[in-house]
C-alpha atoms as a PDB file:
ATOM      1  CA  MET A   1      11.353 -14.827  18.737  1.00  0.00           C
ATOM      2  CA  ARG A   2       9.945 -12.721  21.590  1.00  0.00           C
ATOM      3  CA  GLU A   3      12.115  -9.442  22.976  1.00  0.00           C
ATOM      4  CA  ARG A   4      13.139 -10.816  25.732  1.00  0.00           C
ATOM      5  CA  ASP A   5      14.034 -13.952  24.596  1.00  0.00           C
ATOM      6  CA  ILE A   6      16.525 -12.372  22.684  1.00  0.00           C
ATOM      7  CA  GLU A   7      17.382  -9.689  25.126  1.00  0.00           C
ATOM      8  CA  ARG A   8      18.293 -12.858  27.855  1.00  0.00           C
ATOM      9  CA  TYR A   9      20.395 -14.229  24.826  1.00  0.00           C
ATOM     10  CA  LEU A  10      22.546 -10.538  24.345  1.00  0.00           C
ATOM     11  CA  VAL A  11      22.955 -10.675  28.345  1.00  0.00           C
ATOM     12  CA  ALA A  12      24.403 -14.280  28.079  1.00  0.00           C
ATOM     13  CA  GLN A  13      26.582 -13.715  25.008  1.00  0.00           C
ATOM     14  CA  THR A  14      27.883 -10.401  26.498  1.00  0.00           C
ATOM     15  CA  ALA A  15      29.083 -13.000  29.489  1.00  0.00           C
ATOM     16  CA  ALA A  16      30.753 -15.474  27.104  1.00  0.00           C
ATOM     17  CA  HIS A  17      32.363 -12.549  25.617  1.00  0.00           C
ATOM     18  CA  GLY A  18      34.208 -10.979  28.849  1.00  0.00           C
ATOM     19  CA  GLY A  19      31.854  -8.129  28.601  1.00  0.00           C
ATOM     20  CA  GLU A  20      28.544  -6.642  30.331  1.00  0.00           C
ATOM     21  CA  CYS A  21      25.122  -5.680  29.452  1.00  0.00           C
ATOM     22  CA  ARG A  22      23.563  -3.131  31.748  1.00  0.00           C
ATOM     23  CA  LYS A  23      20.337  -2.655  31.026  1.00  0.00           C
ATOM     24  CA  VAL A  24      19.551   1.355  31.329  1.00  0.00           C
ATOM     25  CA  LYS A  25      16.547   3.271  33.063  1.00  0.00           C
ATOM     26  CA  TRP A  26      15.925   6.491  31.402  1.00  0.00           C
ATOM     27  CA  VAL A  27      14.548   9.087  33.483  1.00  0.00           C
ATOM     28  CA  GLY A  28      12.386  11.729  31.569  1.00  0.00           C
ATOM     29  CA  ARG A  29      13.114  10.877  28.149  1.00  0.00           C
ATOM     30  CA  ASN A  30      11.376   8.452  26.179  1.00  0.00           C
ATOM     31  CA  GLY A  31      12.717   6.233  23.356  1.00  0.00           C
ATOM     32  CA  ALA A  32      15.707   5.529  25.021  1.00  0.00           C
ATOM     33  CA  PRO A  33      18.017   2.515  23.966  1.00  0.00           C
ATOM     34  CA  ASP A  34      17.240  -0.965  26.156  1.00  0.00           C
ATOM     35  CA  ARG A  35      20.585  -1.945  26.679  1.00  0.00           C
ATOM     36  CA  LEU A  36      24.688  -0.544  27.192  1.00  0.00           C
ATOM     37  CA  VAL A  37      26.438  -3.499  25.836  1.00  0.00           C
ATOM     38  CA  MET A  38      30.028  -3.422  26.576  1.00  0.00           C
ATOM     39  CA  LEU A  39      33.422  -5.344  25.146  1.00  0.00           C
ATOM     40  CA  PRO A  40      36.669  -5.690  26.043  1.00  0.00           C
ATOM     41  CA  ASP A  41      39.152  -3.233  24.047  1.00  0.00           C
ATOM     42  CA  ARG A  42      35.955  -2.129  22.358  1.00  0.00           C
ATOM     43  CA  PRO A  43      33.859   0.882  22.637  1.00  0.00           C
ATOM     44  CA  ALA A  44      30.326   0.580  24.417  1.00  0.00           C
ATOM     45  CA  ILE A  45      27.323  -0.288  22.221  1.00  0.00           C
ATOM     46  CA  TRP A  46      23.696   1.224  22.839  1.00  0.00           C
ATOM     47  CA  VAL A  47      21.425  -1.767  21.437  1.00  0.00           C
ATOM     48  CA  GLU A  48      17.591  -1.117  20.500  1.00  0.00           C
ATOM     49  CA  LEU A  49      15.465  -4.845  21.409  1.00  0.00           C
ATOM     50  CA  LYS A  50      12.605  -5.554  19.269  1.00  0.00           C
ATOM     51  CA  ALA A  51      10.997  -8.909  18.872  1.00  0.00           C
ATOM     52  CA  THR A  52      11.977 -10.286  15.040  1.00  0.00           C
ATOM     53  CA  GLY A  53      10.609  -8.463  12.270  1.00  0.00           C
ATOM     54  CA  LYS A  54       9.576  -5.166  14.653  1.00  0.00           C
ATOM     55  CA  LYS A  55      10.441  -1.693  13.880  1.00  0.00           C
ATOM     56  CA  PRO A  56      11.800   1.119  16.211  1.00  0.00           C
ATOM     57  CA  GLU A  57       8.718   3.975  17.298  1.00  0.00           C
ATOM     58  CA  PRO A  58       9.062   6.887  15.734  1.00  0.00           C
ATOM     59  CA  HIS A  59      10.037   8.601  19.005  1.00  0.00           C
ATOM     60  CA  GLN A  60      12.749   5.525  18.916  1.00  0.00           C
ATOM     61  CA  THR A  61      13.599   6.427  15.878  1.00  0.00           C
ATOM     62  CA  ARG A  62      14.184  10.157  16.523  1.00  0.00           C
ATOM     63  CA  GLU A  63      16.579   9.529  19.493  1.00  0.00           C
ATOM     64  CA  HIS A  64      18.192   6.877  18.467  1.00  0.00           C
ATOM     65  CA  MET A  65      19.262   9.527  15.592  1.00  0.00           C
ATOM     66  CA  ARG A  66      19.699  12.075  18.329  1.00  0.00           C
ATOM     67  CA  MET A  67      22.519   9.851  20.367  1.00  0.00           C
ATOM     68  CA  ARG A  68      24.637   8.982  16.766  1.00  0.00           C
ATOM     69  CA  ALA A  69      24.499  12.943  16.078  1.00  0.00           C
ATOM     70  CA  MET A  70      26.732  12.933  19.457  1.00  0.00           C
ATOM     71  CA  GLY A  71      28.810   9.467  18.217  1.00  0.00           C
ATOM     72  CA  GLN A  72      27.309   6.929  20.317  1.00  0.00           C
ATOM     73  CA  THR A  73      26.773   3.534  18.222  1.00  0.00           C
ATOM     74  CA  VAL A  74      23.327   2.919  18.819  1.00  0.00           C
ATOM     75  CA  VAL A  75      22.329  -0.472  16.633  1.00  0.00           C
ATOM     76  CA  ILE A  76      18.937  -2.453  16.459  1.00  0.00           C
ATOM     77  CA  VAL A  77      18.279  -6.048  17.223  1.00  0.00           C
ATOM     78  CA  ASP A  78      15.800  -8.454  16.294  1.00  0.00           C
ATOM     79  CA  SER A  79      17.305 -11.597  16.616  1.00  0.00           C
ATOM     80  CA  VAL A  80      19.242 -14.135  18.548  1.00  0.00           C
ATOM     81  CA  GLU A  81      21.476 -13.764  14.555  1.00  0.00           C
ATOM     82  CA  GLY A  82      21.738  -9.895  15.818  1.00  0.00           C
ATOM     83  CA  VAL A  83      23.322 -10.682  18.861  1.00  0.00           C
ATOM     84  CA  ASP A  84      25.741 -13.055  17.052  1.00  0.00           C
ATOM     85  CA  ASN A  85      26.660 -10.226  14.724  1.00  0.00           C
ATOM     86  CA  LEU A  86      27.353  -7.553  17.118  1.00  0.00           C
ATOM     87  CA  LEU A  87      29.290  -9.449  19.293  1.00  0.00           C
ATOM     88  CA  ARG A  88      31.335 -10.210  16.490  1.00  0.00           C
ATOM     89  CA  GLY A  89      31.796  -7.289  15.434  1.00  0.00           C
ATOM     90  CA  VAL A  90      29.574  -6.966  12.280  1.00  0.00           C
ATOM     91  CA  VAL A  91      27.356  -4.197  13.353  1.00  0.00           C
END
């Protein structure tokens, strides 16, 4: 499945769960996650979207590790099942 299709599903399902899914533009920073998911009564989650079976590039992995070291939740999602798990709180 293509990344853009998974992203559209994430945005729609986040809204269906009463949340917001923001596209994030990073100035001067490479490798940061694509989206910020905010759901009622849950901490925000940074989401890196990938086409099914694809892995983050090394520079993305480094940035995700930096963010996790700062206490941020960063997840990689490459399927609609991954989106469903994220929104159910399985991640």
